[in-house]
Amino acid sequence: QVQLVESGGGLVQAGGSLRLSCTASGRSFSNYAMGWFRQAPGKEREFVAAVSRSGGFINYADSVKGRFTISRDNAKNTVYLQMNSLKPEDTAVYYCAAHPTYYMGAYYNEPALYDYWGQGTQVTVSS
């Protein structure tokens, strides 16, 4: 089992940047594919970005491609989401999630596939 804690959210003006961090407790962080999701008020949780166990395979939602970068540091048990050129429509609670997998190159876009979730961190982008 793994516990996830997000940090780094806040209020930023449109065009600004934030870096979210998600730190996992326990061992074997490198056995988990990791993902970032977000949920805006009144909307369903949506996929943002995912990274494989090794960090070598990555996928992004079309809405964030070219602006967001996901990365991980297995030595620090941490996954990051660098968010640049933020827009008001990026406003949401951002969650990280973990899925244990045998496959080094696998990543997952569907929230239902993830076993563990953090508590979320609020990102607000003002216009």
N, C-alpha and C. Protein backbone atom coordinates (compact mmCIF):
# COMPACT_ATOMS: atom_id res chain seq x y z
N GLN A 1 0.84 -1.19 0.00
CA GLN A 1 0.00 0.00 0.00
C GLN A 1 0.88 1.25 0.00
N VAL A 2 0.38 2.32 -0.58
CA VAL A 2 1.14 3.56 -0.66
C VAL A 2 0.22 4.72 -0.33
N GLN A 3 0.76 5.70 0.36
CA GLN A 3 0.03 6.93 0.65
C GLN A 3 0.66 8.07 -0.14
N LEU A 4 -0.18 8.92 -0.69
CA LEU A 4 0.27 9.98 -1.57
C LEU A 4 -0.11 11.34 -0.99
N VAL A 5 0.83 12.27 -1.03
CA VAL A 5 0.58 13.61 -0.52
C VAL A 5 1.01 14.62 -1.58
N GLU A 6 0.04 15.41 -2.06
CA GLU A 6 0.33 16.45 -3.06
C GLU A 6 0.66 17.76 -2.36
N SER A 7 1.43 18.58 -3.06
CA SER A 7 1.74 19.93 -2.60
C SER A 7 2.06 20.79 -3.80
N GLY A 8 2.09 22.11 -3.56
CA GLY A 8 2.50 23.02 -4.62
C GLY A 8 1.38 23.80 -5.28
N GLY A 9 0.14 23.50 -4.91
CA GLY A 9 -0.96 24.26 -5.49
C GLY A 9 -1.00 25.68 -4.98
N GLY A 10 -1.87 26.49 -5.59
CA GLY A 10 -2.00 27.87 -5.16
C GLY A 10 -2.74 28.70 -6.16
N LEU A 11 -2.65 30.01 -5.96
CA LEU A 11 -3.29 30.99 -6.84
C LEU A 11 -2.23 31.62 -7.72
N VAL A 12 -2.49 31.65 -9.03
CA VAL A 12 -1.53 32.22 -9.96
C VAL A 12 -2.30 32.94 -11.05
N GLN A 13 -1.69 33.95 -11.63
CA GLN A 13 -2.32 34.66 -12.74
C GLN A 13 -2.17 33.88 -14.04
N ALA A 14 -3.06 34.12 -14.95
CA ALA A 14 -2.98 33.48 -16.26
C ALA A 14 -1.61 33.76 -16.88
N GLY A 15 -1.03 32.73 -17.48
CA GLY A 15 0.30 32.84 -18.05
C GLY A 15 1.41 32.45 -17.09
N GLY A 16 1.07 32.28 -15.83
CA GLY A 16 2.06 31.92 -14.83
C GLY A 16 2.34 30.43 -14.78
N SER A 17 3.15 30.05 -13.79
CA SER A 17 3.59 28.67 -13.65
C SER A 17 3.45 28.19 -12.21
N LEU A 18 3.26 26.89 -12.08
CA LEU A 18 3.29 26.22 -10.79
C LEU A 18 3.92 24.85 -10.99
N ARG A 19 4.53 24.35 -9.93
CA ARG A 19 5.00 22.97 -9.96
C ARG A 19 4.37 22.21 -8.81
N LEU A 20 3.64 21.19 -9.16
CA LEU A 20 3.04 20.31 -8.17
C LEU A 20 3.97 19.15 -7.87
N SER A 21 3.96 18.72 -6.63
CA SER A 21 4.72 17.55 -6.21
C SER A 21 3.78 16.56 -5.55
N CYS A 22 4.12 15.31 -5.69
CA CYS A 22 3.35 14.24 -5.04
C CYS A 22 4.37 13.25 -4.49
N THR A 23 4.42 13.15 -3.17
CA THR A 23 5.38 12.28 -2.52
C THR A 23 4.67 11.06 -1.95
N ALA A 24 5.25 9.91 -2.21
CA ALA A 24 4.67 8.64 -1.77
C ALA A 24 5.39 8.10 -0.55
N SER A 25 4.62 7.55 0.36
CA SER A 25 5.22 6.89 1.52
C SER A 25 5.44 5.42 1.19
N GLY A 26 6.25 4.79 1.97
CA GLY A 26 6.48 3.36 1.77
C GLY A 26 7.56 3.09 0.74
N ARG A 27 7.82 1.81 0.57
CA ARG A 27 8.85 1.40 -0.38
C ARG A 27 8.23 1.06 -1.72
N SER A 28 9.09 0.76 -2.66
CA SER A 28 8.69 0.25 -3.97
C SER A 28 7.93 1.27 -4.80
N PHE A 29 8.24 2.55 -4.62
CA PHE A 29 7.60 3.58 -5.46
C PHE A 29 7.83 3.29 -6.93
N SER A 30 8.96 2.75 -7.27
CA SER A 30 9.28 2.50 -8.67
C SER A 30 8.43 1.39 -9.27
N ASN A 31 7.65 0.69 -8.47
CA ASN A 31 6.74 -0.34 -8.98
C ASN A 31 5.40 0.23 -9.43
N TYR A 32 5.22 1.54 -9.30
CA TYR A 32 3.93 2.16 -9.60
C TYR A 32 4.02 3.07 -10.82
N ALA A 33 3.08 2.89 -11.74
CA ALA A 33 2.84 3.93 -12.73
C ALA A 33 2.09 5.05 -12.02
N MET A 34 2.37 6.28 -12.41
CA MET A 34 1.79 7.43 -11.72
C MET A 34 1.02 8.31 -12.69
N GLY A 35 0.01 8.97 -12.15
CA GLY A 35 -0.78 9.86 -12.99
C GLY A 35 -1.20 11.10 -12.22
N TRP A 36 -1.49 12.15 -12.99
CA TRP A 36 -2.11 13.36 -12.46
C TRP A 36 -3.48 13.51 -13.10
N PHE A 37 -4.45 13.86 -12.28
CA PHE A 37 -5.82 14.11 -12.72
C PHE A 37 -6.28 15.43 -12.11
N ARG A 38 -7.37 15.96 -12.63
CA ARG A 38 -7.92 17.17 -12.06
C ARG A 38 -9.43 17.13 -12.11
N GLN A 39 -10.03 17.88 -11.20
CA GLN A 39 -11.47 17.95 -11.15
C GLN A 39 -11.89 19.37 -10.83
N ALA A 40 -12.62 19.96 -11.77
CA ALA A 40 -13.17 21.30 -11.57
C ALA A 40 -14.57 21.19 -10.99
N PRO A 41 -15.06 22.24 -10.34
CA PRO A 41 -16.40 22.19 -9.75
C PRO A 41 -17.46 21.83 -10.78
N GLY A 42 -18.28 20.86 -10.44
CA GLY A 42 -19.37 20.46 -11.32
C GLY A 42 -18.96 19.60 -12.49
N LYS A 43 -17.68 19.22 -12.55
CA LYS A 43 -17.20 18.40 -13.67
C LYS A 43 -16.63 17.09 -13.16
N GLU A 44 -16.52 16.14 -14.07
CA GLU A 44 -15.93 14.86 -13.73
C GLU A 44 -14.40 14.98 -13.64
N ARG A 45 -13.83 14.04 -12.91
CA ARG A 45 -12.38 14.00 -12.84
C ARG A 45 -11.82 13.66 -14.20
N GLU A 46 -10.78 14.38 -14.63
CA GLU A 46 -10.23 14.16 -15.96
C GLU A 46 -8.73 13.93 -15.90
N PHE A 47 -8.29 13.18 -16.88
CA PHE A 47 -6.87 12.84 -17.01
C PHE A 47 -6.08 14.08 -17.40
N VAL A 48 -4.88 14.21 -16.81
CA VAL A 48 -3.97 15.30 -17.16
C VAL A 48 -2.68 14.74 -17.77
N ALA A 49 -2.02 13.84 -17.03
CA ALA A 49 -0.74 13.31 -17.49
C ALA A 49 -0.45 12.01 -16.76
N ALA A 50 0.36 11.16 -17.41
CA ALA A 50 0.74 9.89 -16.80
C ALA A 50 2.18 9.57 -17.16
N VAL A 51 2.82 8.82 -16.28
CA VAL A 51 4.21 8.43 -16.49
C VAL A 51 4.40 6.98 -16.07
N SER A 52 5.22 6.28 -16.82
CA SER A 52 5.48 4.88 -16.53
C SER A 52 6.40 4.73 -15.32
N ARG A 53 6.59 3.50 -14.90
CA ARG A 53 7.43 3.22 -13.73
C ARG A 53 8.82 3.82 -13.87
N SER A 54 9.39 3.67 -15.03
CA SER A 54 10.76 4.12 -15.25
C SER A 54 10.86 5.61 -15.54
N GLY A 55 9.73 6.21 -15.91
CA GLY A 55 9.74 7.60 -16.34
C GLY A 55 9.99 7.76 -17.82
N GLY A 56 10.22 6.67 -18.52
CA GLY A 56 10.56 6.76 -19.92
C GLY A 56 9.38 6.87 -20.87
N PHE A 57 8.19 6.59 -20.38
CA PHE A 57 6.98 6.67 -21.22
C PHE A 57 6.00 7.61 -20.55
N ILE A 58 5.50 8.55 -21.33
CA ILE A 58 4.70 9.65 -20.81
C ILE A 58 3.54 9.90 -21.76
N ASN A 59 2.41 10.34 -21.19
CA ASN A 59 1.27 10.71 -22.00
C ASN A 59 0.59 11.92 -21.38
N TYR A 60 0.01 12.76 -22.23
CA TYR A 60 -0.65 13.98 -21.79
C TYR A 60 -2.03 14.09 -22.40
N ALA A 61 -2.92 14.75 -21.69
CA ALA A 61 -4.17 15.16 -22.29
C ALA A 61 -3.89 16.24 -23.33
N ASP A 62 -4.69 16.26 -24.38
CA ASP A 62 -4.47 17.25 -25.45
C ASP A 62 -4.52 18.67 -24.91
N SER A 63 -5.33 18.90 -23.89
CA SER A 63 -5.52 20.26 -23.37
C SER A 63 -4.29 20.81 -22.67
N VAL A 64 -3.35 19.95 -22.31
CA VAL A 64 -2.17 20.42 -21.58
C VAL A 64 -0.86 20.17 -22.33
N LYS A 65 -0.93 19.52 -23.47
CA LYS A 65 0.28 19.23 -24.23
C LYS A 65 1.01 20.52 -24.58
N GLY A 66 2.32 20.50 -24.39
CA GLY A 66 3.13 21.66 -24.69
C GLY A 66 3.20 22.66 -23.56
N ARG A 67 2.35 22.49 -22.54
CA ARG A 67 2.35 23.42 -21.40
C ARG A 67 2.74 22.74 -20.10
N PHE A 68 2.34 21.48 -19.94
CA PHE A 68 2.61 20.75 -18.70
C PHE A 68 3.67 19.68 -18.96
N THR A 69 4.45 19.39 -17.93
CA THR A 69 5.47 18.34 -18.00
C THR A 69 5.40 17.48 -16.75
N ILE A 70 5.23 16.18 -16.95
CA ILE A 70 5.25 15.25 -15.84
C ILE A 70 6.63 14.61 -15.77
N SER A 71 7.10 14.39 -14.55
CA SER A 71 8.38 13.72 -14.35
C SER A 71 8.34 13.02 -13.00
N ARG A 72 9.30 12.15 -12.80
CA ARG A 72 9.37 11.45 -11.52
C ARG A 72 10.81 11.25 -11.10
N ASP A 73 11.00 11.18 -9.80
CA ASP A 73 12.31 10.90 -9.22
C ASP A 73 12.11 9.72 -8.28
N ASN A 74 12.45 8.55 -8.73
CA ASN A 74 12.19 7.34 -7.93
C ASN A 74 13.03 7.31 -6.66
N ALA A 75 14.18 7.96 -6.68
CA ALA A 75 15.01 8.00 -5.48
C ALA A 75 14.37 8.84 -4.37
N LYS A 76 13.51 9.78 -4.78
CA LYS A 76 12.83 10.65 -3.82
C LYS A 76 11.37 10.28 -3.63
N ASN A 77 10.93 9.20 -4.28
CA ASN A 77 9.53 8.77 -4.17
C ASN A 77 8.57 9.89 -4.55
N THR A 78 8.90 10.64 -5.57
CA THR A 78 8.13 11.83 -5.90
C THR A 78 7.86 11.91 -7.40
N VAL A 79 6.64 12.33 -7.72
CA VAL A 79 6.28 12.65 -9.09
C VAL A 79 5.90 14.13 -9.13
N TYR A 80 6.25 14.78 -10.24
CA TYR A 80 6.06 16.22 -10.37
C TYR A 80 5.14 16.52 -11.55
N LEU A 81 4.53 17.68 -11.48
CA LEU A 81 3.79 18.21 -12.63
C LEU A 81 4.15 19.69 -12.76
N GLN A 82 4.99 19.99 -13.73
CA GLN A 82 5.35 21.38 -14.02
C GLN A 82 4.29 21.96 -14.94
N MET A 83 3.67 23.03 -14.52
CA MET A 83 2.58 23.63 -15.28
C MET A 83 2.97 25.04 -15.69
N ASN A 84 3.09 25.26 -16.98
CA ASN A 84 3.45 26.57 -17.53
C ASN A 84 2.29 27.12 -18.36
N SER A 85 2.35 28.40 -18.63
CA SER A 85 1.34 29.06 -19.44
C SER A 85 -0.07 28.71 -18.97
N LEU A 86 -0.27 28.83 -17.69
CA LEU A 86 -1.54 28.43 -17.11
C LEU A 86 -2.69 29.31 -17.60
N LYS A 87 -3.85 28.67 -17.73
CA LYS A 87 -5.06 29.33 -18.20
C LYS A 87 -6.14 29.22 -17.11
N PRO A 88 -7.11 30.12 -17.14
CA PRO A 88 -8.20 30.02 -16.16
C PRO A 88 -8.89 28.66 -16.19
N GLU A 89 -8.98 28.05 -17.36
CA GLU A 89 -9.63 26.74 -17.46
C GLU A 89 -8.82 25.61 -16.85
N ASP A 90 -7.60 25.89 -16.41
CA ASP A 90 -6.82 24.89 -15.67
C ASP A 90 -7.19 24.85 -14.19
N THR A 91 -8.03 25.79 -13.76
CA THR A 91 -8.45 25.83 -12.37
C THR A 91 -9.18 24.55 -11.99
N ALA A 92 -8.69 23.88 -10.94
CA ALA A 92 -9.25 22.61 -10.50
C ALA A 92 -8.50 22.13 -9.27
N VAL A 93 -9.03 21.09 -8.65
CA VAL A 93 -8.26 20.34 -7.66
C VAL A 93 -7.48 19.29 -8.42
N TYR A 94 -6.19 19.24 -8.18
CA TYR A 94 -5.31 18.31 -8.86
C TYR A 94 -4.96 17.16 -7.92
N TYR A 95 -5.07 15.95 -8.47
CA TYR A 95 -4.82 14.73 -7.70
C TYR A 95 -3.71 13.92 -8.37
N CYS A 96 -2.85 13.33 -7.55
CA CYS A 96 -1.96 12.32 -8.11
C CYS A 96 -2.49 10.94 -7.73
N ALA A 97 -2.12 9.96 -8.51
CA ALA A 97 -2.61 8.61 -8.33
C ALA A 97 -1.53 7.60 -8.70
N ALA A 98 -1.65 6.43 -8.10
CA ALA A 98 -0.64 5.38 -8.30
C ALA A 98 -1.30 4.06 -8.67
N HIS A 99 -0.66 3.36 -9.59
CA HIS A 99 -1.16 2.04 -10.01
C HIS A 99 0.02 1.08 -10.04
N PRO A 100 -0.02 0.03 -9.22
CA PRO A 100 1.08 -0.94 -9.26
C PRO A 100 1.01 -1.75 -10.56
N THR A 101 2.13 -1.88 -11.21
CA THR A 101 2.15 -2.60 -12.48
C THR A 101 3.46 -3.33 -12.66
N TYR A 102 3.38 -4.46 -13.31
CA TYR A 102 4.58 -5.23 -13.65
C TYR A 102 5.33 -4.60 -14.82
N TYR A 103 4.61 -3.88 -15.65
CA TYR A 103 5.16 -3.42 -16.92
C TYR A 103 5.90 -2.10 -16.77
N MET A 104 7.17 -2.07 -17.16
CA MET A 104 7.99 -0.89 -16.99
C MET A 104 7.52 0.26 -17.86
N GLY A 105 6.97 -0.04 -19.01
CA GLY A 105 6.63 1.01 -19.96
C GLY A 105 5.16 1.40 -19.99
N ALA A 106 4.37 0.87 -19.07
CA ALA A 106 2.94 1.13 -19.10
C ALA A 106 2.59 2.42 -18.39
N TYR A 107 1.59 3.11 -18.95
CA TYR A 107 0.99 4.26 -18.26
C TYR A 107 -0.51 4.17 -18.48
N TYR A 108 -1.24 4.87 -17.67
CA TYR A 108 -2.69 4.67 -17.65
C TYR A 108 -3.40 6.01 -17.62
N ASN A 109 -4.43 6.14 -18.46
CA ASN A 109 -5.16 7.38 -18.58
C ASN A 109 -6.50 7.37 -17.83
N GLU A 110 -6.97 6.19 -17.47
CA GLU A 110 -8.30 6.07 -16.88
C GLU A 110 -8.23 6.11 -15.36
N PRO A 111 -9.00 7.00 -14.74
CA PRO A 111 -8.97 7.07 -13.26
C PRO A 111 -9.31 5.74 -12.59
N ALA A 112 -10.21 4.97 -13.19
CA ALA A 112 -10.64 3.72 -12.56
C ALA A 112 -9.52 2.70 -12.45
N LEU A 113 -8.45 2.89 -13.21
CA LEU A 113 -7.35 1.92 -13.17
C LEU A 113 -6.39 2.16 -12.02
N TYR A 114 -6.53 3.31 -11.37
CA TYR A 114 -5.60 3.66 -10.30
C TYR A 114 -6.12 3.20 -8.94
N ASP A 115 -5.19 2.68 -8.16
CA ASP A 115 -5.56 2.10 -6.87
C ASP A 115 -5.45 3.08 -5.71
N TYR A 116 -4.54 4.02 -5.81
CA TYR A 116 -4.26 4.91 -4.69
C TYR A 116 -4.31 6.36 -5.15
N TRP A 117 -4.87 7.21 -4.29
CA TRP A 117 -5.05 8.62 -4.62
C TRP A 117 -4.59 9.50 -3.47
N GLY A 118 -4.07 10.68 -3.83
CA GLY A 118 -3.79 11.69 -2.83
C GLY A 118 -5.05 12.47 -2.49
N GLN A 119 -4.89 13.42 -1.59
CA GLN A 119 -6.04 14.19 -1.11
C GLN A 119 -6.36 15.38 -2.02
N GLY A 120 -5.45 15.70 -2.91
CA GLY A 120 -5.68 16.79 -3.86
C GLY A 120 -5.07 18.10 -3.40
N THR A 121 -4.75 18.94 -4.37
CA THR A 121 -4.25 20.28 -4.09
C THR A 121 -4.92 21.25 -5.06
N GLN A 122 -5.37 22.38 -4.54
CA GLN A 122 -6.14 23.34 -5.33
C GLN A 122 -5.22 24.20 -6.18
N VAL A 123 -5.56 24.31 -7.44
CA VAL A 123 -4.88 25.24 -8.35
C VAL A 123 -5.94 26.21 -8.87
N THR A 124 -5.70 27.49 -8.68
CA THR A 124 -6.62 28.52 -9.15
C THR A 124 -5.86 29.48 -10.04
N VAL A 125 -6.34 29.65 -11.26
CA VAL A 125 -5.71 30.55 -12.23
C VAL A 125 -6.66 31.71 -12.48
N SER A 126 -6.20 32.90 -12.16
CA SER A 126 -7.04 34.09 -12.34
C SER A 126 -6.77 34.72 -13.70
N SER A 127 -7.80 35.32 -14.25
CA SER A 127 -7.66 35.94 -15.58
C SER A 127 -7.24 37.40 -15.47
